[in-house]
Amino acid sequence: MISWLTKTTVGKIFATFFISMLPVVELRGGIPYGVGFGLSPLAAMITAMLGNLLPIPFILLLLDKIMNFCKKQKGFLGKFANFLEQKAYKNKATIDKYKALGLIILVAIPLPGTGAWTGALVATVLRMDRRTAFPCICAGVLIAGLAVTLLSYGVKAMI
């Protein structure tokens, strides 16, 4: 299995796609993984962006219900839900000030604590309309993918 993920093109694409779906890691980890195992920077970027975006509609649709359930629980689940909610509220001022552009910026900045998962969390907690939030998250992922690729591999990588 490991050999398939690191030696075949399909395996490299699959691994890059899957890594980019993970919270925290997202495309910031997927792009370097893909390039490190032999994908072109452009192929790694496109694969990572698609992988990063796949869970977002599900998060936007289900996170509110999951958060409400978890907040009612005692122990770890309740504490974790409250932690996530507080994390989302830390970005409230930016979102309130810049609205949709604020969400795009939050997702686009390729730093820890930002990204598509955080953007979906913030949009859900702040009750943003999903039809507004999803395109903003997509735009942020596109910008982040371009930024990570260009900063890591340069303009030549895109050609």
C-alpha atoms as a PDB file:
ATOM      1  CA  MET A   1       0.000   0.000   0.000  1.00  0.00           C
ATOM      2  CA  ILE A   2       2.761   2.467   0.947  1.00  0.00           C
ATOM      3  CA  SER A   3       4.583   1.605  -2.257  1.00  0.00           C
ATOM      4  CA  TRP A   4       1.435   2.283  -4.290  1.00  0.00           C
ATOM      5  CA  LEU A   5       0.963   5.706  -2.598  1.00  0.00           C
ATOM      6  CA  THR A   6       4.535   6.811  -3.255  1.00  0.00           C
ATOM      7  CA  LYS A   7       5.459   5.123  -6.541  1.00  0.00           C
ATOM      8  CA  THR A   8       2.399   5.282  -8.806  1.00  0.00           C
ATOM      9  CA  THR A   9       0.929   8.460 -10.237  1.00  0.00           C
ATOM     10  CA  VAL A  10      -2.580   7.468  -9.165  1.00  0.00           C
ATOM     11  CA  GLY A  11      -1.315   6.725  -5.654  1.00  0.00           C
ATOM     12  CA  LYS A  12       0.486  10.066  -5.434  1.00  0.00           C
ATOM     13  CA  ILE A  13      -2.652  11.885  -6.584  1.00  0.00           C
ATOM     14  CA  PHE A  14      -4.803   9.941  -4.113  1.00  0.00           C
ATOM     15  CA  ALA A  15      -2.418  10.625  -1.203  1.00  0.00           C
ATOM     16  CA  THR A  16      -2.127  14.323  -2.100  1.00  0.00           C
ATOM     17  CA  PHE A  17      -5.928  14.584  -2.351  1.00  0.00           C
ATOM     18  CA  PHE A  18      -6.476  12.763   0.977  1.00  0.00           C
ATOM     19  CA  ILE A  19      -3.794  14.720   2.882  1.00  0.00           C
ATOM     20  CA  SER A  20      -5.363  17.970   1.671  1.00  0.00           C
ATOM     21  CA  MET A  21      -8.740  16.925   3.096  1.00  0.00           C
ATOM     22  CA  LEU A  22      -7.344  16.785   6.622  1.00  0.00           C
ATOM     23  CA  PRO A  23      -7.999  19.670   9.024  1.00  0.00           C
ATOM     24  CA  VAL A  24      -4.931  21.727   9.965  1.00  0.00           C
ATOM     25  CA  VAL A  25      -2.791  20.102   7.224  1.00  0.00           C
ATOM     26  CA  GLU A  26      -5.040  20.986   4.273  1.00  0.00           C
ATOM     27  CA  LEU A  27      -3.374  22.042   1.025  1.00  0.00           C
ATOM     28  CA  ARG A  28      -0.383  23.503   2.888  1.00  0.00           C
ATOM     29  CA  GLY A  29       0.697  19.915   3.480  1.00  0.00           C
ATOM     30  CA  GLY A  30      -0.800  18.339   0.374  1.00  0.00           C
ATOM     31  CA  ILE A  31       1.069  20.433  -2.179  1.00  0.00           C
ATOM     32  CA  PRO A  32       4.556  19.794  -0.751  1.00  0.00           C
ATOM     33  CA  TYR A  33       3.708  16.095  -0.331  1.00  0.00           C
ATOM     34  CA  GLY A  34       2.624  15.774  -3.965  1.00  0.00           C
ATOM     35  CA  VAL A  35       5.661  17.613  -5.308  1.00  0.00           C
ATOM     36  CA  GLY A  36       7.985  15.766  -2.948  1.00  0.00           C
ATOM     37  CA  PHE A  37       6.786  12.450  -4.336  1.00  0.00           C
ATOM     38  CA  GLY A  38       7.054  13.481  -7.972  1.00  0.00           C
ATOM     39  CA  LEU A  39       3.898  15.267  -9.071  1.00  0.00           C
ATOM     40  CA  SER A  40       4.421  18.506 -10.937  1.00  0.00           C
ATOM     41  CA  PRO A  41       3.703  21.572  -8.787  1.00  0.00           C
ATOM     42  CA  LEU A  42       0.682  22.357 -10.971  1.00  0.00           C
ATOM     43  CA  ALA A  43      -0.747  18.824 -10.637  1.00  0.00           C
ATOM     44  CA  ALA A  44      -0.091  18.834  -6.885  1.00  0.00           C
ATOM     45  CA  MET A  45      -1.750  22.244  -6.515  1.00  0.00           C
ATOM     46  CA  ILE A  46      -4.904  21.285  -8.430  1.00  0.00           C
ATOM     47  CA  THR A  47      -5.197  17.932  -6.645  1.00  0.00           C
ATOM     48  CA  ALA A  48      -4.638  19.538  -3.240  1.00  0.00           C
ATOM     49  CA  MET A  49      -7.182  22.300  -3.874  1.00  0.00           C
ATOM     50  CA  LEU A  50      -9.838  19.759  -4.890  1.00  0.00           C
ATOM     51  CA  GLY A  51      -9.064  17.607  -1.862  1.00  0.00           C
ATOM     52  CA  ASN A  52      -9.176  20.632   0.423  1.00  0.00           C
ATOM     53  CA  LEU A  53     -12.597  21.635  -0.913  1.00  0.00           C
ATOM     54  CA  LEU A  54     -14.314  18.226  -0.845  1.00  0.00           C
ATOM     55  CA  PRO A  55     -15.282  18.225   2.865  1.00  0.00           C
ATOM     56  CA  ILE A  56     -16.385  21.879   2.957  1.00  0.00           C
ATOM     57  CA  PRO A  57     -20.008  21.483   1.726  1.00  0.00           C
ATOM     58  CA  PHE A  58     -20.524  18.719   4.295  1.00  0.00           C
ATOM     59  CA  ILE A  59     -19.019  20.858   7.056  1.00  0.00           C
ATOM     60  CA  LEU A  60     -21.243  23.791   6.116  1.00  0.00           C
ATOM     61  CA  LEU A  61     -24.320  21.550   6.090  1.00  0.00           C
ATOM     62  CA  LEU A  62     -23.678  19.448   9.193  1.00  0.00           C
ATOM     63  CA  LEU A  63     -21.383  21.344  11.557  1.00  0.00           C
ATOM     64  CA  ASP A  64     -24.131  23.362  13.226  1.00  0.00           C
ATOM     65  CA  LYS A  65     -26.027  20.193  14.203  1.00  0.00           C
ATOM     66  CA  ILE A  66     -22.836  18.482  15.362  1.00  0.00           C
ATOM     67  CA  MET A  67     -21.749  21.524  17.403  1.00  0.00           C
ATOM     68  CA  ASN A  68     -25.162  21.790  19.071  1.00  0.00           C
ATOM     69  CA  PHE A  69     -25.073  18.097  20.006  1.00  0.00           C
ATOM     70  CA  CYS A  70     -21.496  18.327  21.327  1.00  0.00           C
ATOM     71  CA  LYS A  71     -22.136  21.481  23.385  1.00  0.00           C
ATOM     72  CA  LYS A  72     -24.852  19.607  25.286  1.00  0.00           C
ATOM     73  CA  GLN A  73     -22.398  16.876  26.253  1.00  0.00           C
ATOM     74  CA  LYS A  74     -20.340  16.867  29.407  1.00  0.00           C
ATOM     75  CA  GLY A  75     -16.641  16.175  29.336  1.00  0.00           C
ATOM     76  CA  PHE A  76     -14.392  16.288  26.297  1.00  0.00           C
ATOM     77  CA  LEU A  77     -17.034  16.781  23.587  1.00  0.00           C
ATOM     78  CA  GLY A  78     -18.613  19.768  25.299  1.00  0.00           C
ATOM     79  CA  LYS A  79     -15.263  21.365  26.047  1.00  0.00           C
ATOM     80  CA  PHE A  80     -14.020  20.775  22.503  1.00  0.00           C
ATOM     81  CA  ALA A  81     -17.165  22.277  20.956  1.00  0.00           C
ATOM     82  CA  ASN A  82     -16.824  25.348  23.173  1.00  0.00           C
ATOM     83  CA  PHE A  83     -13.123  25.628  22.238  1.00  0.00           C
ATOM     84  CA  LEU A  84     -13.991  25.535  18.525  1.00  0.00           C
ATOM     85  CA  GLU A  85     -16.728  28.093  18.979  1.00  0.00           C
ATOM     86  CA  GLN A  86     -14.364  30.457  20.804  1.00  0.00           C
ATOM     87  CA  LYS A  87     -11.788  29.975  18.035  1.00  0.00           C
ATOM     88  CA  ALA A  88     -14.413  30.979  15.485  1.00  0.00           C
ATOM     89  CA  TYR A  89     -15.426  34.057  17.478  1.00  0.00           C
ATOM     90  CA  LYS A  90     -11.800  35.265  17.447  1.00  0.00           C
ATOM     91  CA  ASN A  91     -12.273  35.884  13.707  1.00  0.00           C
ATOM     92  CA  LYS A  92     -15.641  37.614  14.128  1.00  0.00           C
ATOM     93  CA  ALA A  93     -14.281  41.159  13.917  1.00  0.00           C
ATOM     94  CA  THR A  94     -12.578  40.480  10.589  1.00  0.00           C
ATOM     95  CA  ILE A  95     -15.655  38.821   9.138  1.00  0.00           C
ATOM     96  CA  ASP A  96     -17.975  41.550  10.451  1.00  0.00           C
ATOM     97  CA  LYS A  97     -15.747  44.300   9.069  1.00  0.00           C
ATOM     98  CA  TYR A  98     -15.001  42.829   5.651  1.00  0.00           C
ATOM     99  CA  LYS A  99     -17.968  40.428   5.261  1.00  0.00           C
ATOM    100  CA  ALA A 100     -17.354  37.979   2.393  1.00  0.00           C
ATOM    101  CA  LEU A 101     -13.896  39.395   1.701  1.00  0.00           C
ATOM    102  CA  GLY A 102     -12.978  38.709   5.330  1.00  0.00           C
ATOM    103  CA  LEU A 103     -13.845  35.030   4.898  1.00  0.00           C
ATOM    104  CA  ILE A 104     -11.825  34.853   1.680  1.00  0.00           C
ATOM    105  CA  ILE A 105      -8.821  36.420   3.436  1.00  0.00           C
ATOM    106  CA  LEU A 106      -9.146  34.084   6.433  1.00  0.00           C
ATOM    107  CA  VAL A 107      -9.094  31.039   4.167  1.00  0.00           C
ATOM    108  CA  ALA A 108      -6.459  32.407   1.770  1.00  0.00           C
ATOM    109  CA  ILE A 109      -3.734  33.128   4.318  1.00  0.00           C
ATOM    110  CA  PRO A 110      -1.650  29.927   4.318  1.00  0.00           C
ATOM    111  CA  LEU A 111      -0.778  29.947   8.011  1.00  0.00           C
ATOM    112  CA  PRO A 112      -1.684  27.632  10.906  1.00  0.00           C
ATOM    113  CA  GLY A 113      -5.163  28.351  12.239  1.00  0.00           C
ATOM    114  CA  THR A 114      -6.481  29.488   8.877  1.00  0.00           C
ATOM    115  CA  GLY A 115      -7.774  27.576   5.881  1.00  0.00           C
ATOM    116  CA  ALA A 116     -10.940  26.046   4.510  1.00  0.00           C
ATOM    117  CA  TRP A 117     -11.851  24.106   7.658  1.00  0.00           C
ATOM    118  CA  THR A 118     -11.461  27.207   9.837  1.00  0.00           C
ATOM    119  CA  GLY A 119     -13.381  29.256   7.274  1.00  0.00           C
ATOM    120  CA  ALA A 120     -16.244  26.746   7.324  1.00  0.00           C
ATOM    121  CA  LEU A 121     -16.208  26.732  11.136  1.00  0.00           C
ATOM    122  CA  VAL A 122     -16.301  30.529  11.283  1.00  0.00           C
ATOM    123  CA  ALA A 123     -19.042  30.748   8.642  1.00  0.00           C
ATOM    124  CA  THR A 124     -21.145  28.201  10.534  1.00  0.00           C
ATOM    125  CA  VAL A 125     -20.696  29.716  13.999  1.00  0.00           C
ATOM    126  CA  LEU A 126     -21.326  33.249  12.704  1.00  0.00           C
ATOM    127  CA  ARG A 127     -24.381  32.018  10.786  1.00  0.00           C
ATOM    128  CA  MET A 128     -23.187  33.129   7.345  1.00  0.00           C
ATOM    129  CA  ASP A 129     -25.397  32.109   4.470  1.00  0.00           C
ATOM    130  CA  ARG A 130     -23.959  28.907   2.953  1.00  0.00           C
ATOM    131  CA  ARG A 131     -24.539  30.221  -0.568  1.00  0.00           C
ATOM    132  CA  THR A 132     -22.218  33.103   0.289  1.00  0.00           C
ATOM    133  CA  ALA A 133     -19.754  31.158   2.415  1.00  0.00           C
ATOM    134  CA  PHE A 134     -18.961  28.328  -0.006  1.00  0.00           C
ATOM    135  CA  PRO A 135     -17.861  30.509  -2.954  1.00  0.00           C
ATOM    136  CA  CYS A 136     -15.792  32.636  -0.554  1.00  0.00           C
ATOM    137  CA  ILE A 137     -14.094  29.521   0.822  1.00  0.00           C
ATOM    138  CA  CYS A 138     -13.461  28.318  -2.754  1.00  0.00           C
ATOM    139  CA  ALA A 139     -11.871  31.657  -3.636  1.00  0.00           C
ATOM    140  CA  GLY A 140      -9.723  31.512  -0.506  1.00  0.00           C
ATOM    141  CA  VAL A 141      -8.579  27.965  -1.321  1.00  0.00           C
ATOM    142  CA  LEU A 142      -7.668  29.050  -4.854  1.00  0.00           C
ATOM    143  CA  ILE A 143      -5.605  31.955  -3.526  1.00  0.00           C
ATOM    144  CA  ALA A 144      -3.972  29.776  -0.850  1.00  0.00           C
ATOM    145  CA  GLY A 145      -3.144  27.070  -3.401  1.00  0.00           C
ATOM    146  CA  LEU A 146      -1.537  29.598  -5.720  1.00  0.00           C
ATOM    147  CA  ALA A 147       0.345  31.230  -2.839  1.00  0.00           C
ATOM    148  CA  VAL A 148       1.705  27.966  -1.420  1.00  0.00           C
ATOM    149  CA  THR A 149       2.753  26.761  -4.871  1.00  0.00           C
ATOM    150  CA  LEU A 150       4.361  30.044  -5.917  1.00  0.00           C
ATOM    151  CA  LEU A 151       6.108  30.586  -2.585  1.00  0.00           C
ATOM    152  CA  SER A 152       7.358  27.004  -2.505  1.00  0.00           C
ATOM    153  CA  TYR A 153       8.255  26.374  -6.139  1.00  0.00           C
ATOM    154  CA  GLY A 154       8.247  29.737  -7.946  1.00  0.00           C
ATOM    155  CA  VAL A 155       6.631  30.991 -11.116  1.00  0.00           C
ATOM    156  CA  LYS A 156       8.417  28.354 -13.239  1.00  0.00           C
ATOM    157  CA  ALA A 157       6.408  25.704 -11.429  1.00  0.00           C
ATOM    158  CA  MET A 158       3.179  27.028 -12.860  1.00  0.00           C
ATOM    159  CA  ILE A 159       4.318  26.787 -16.482  1.00  0.00           C
END
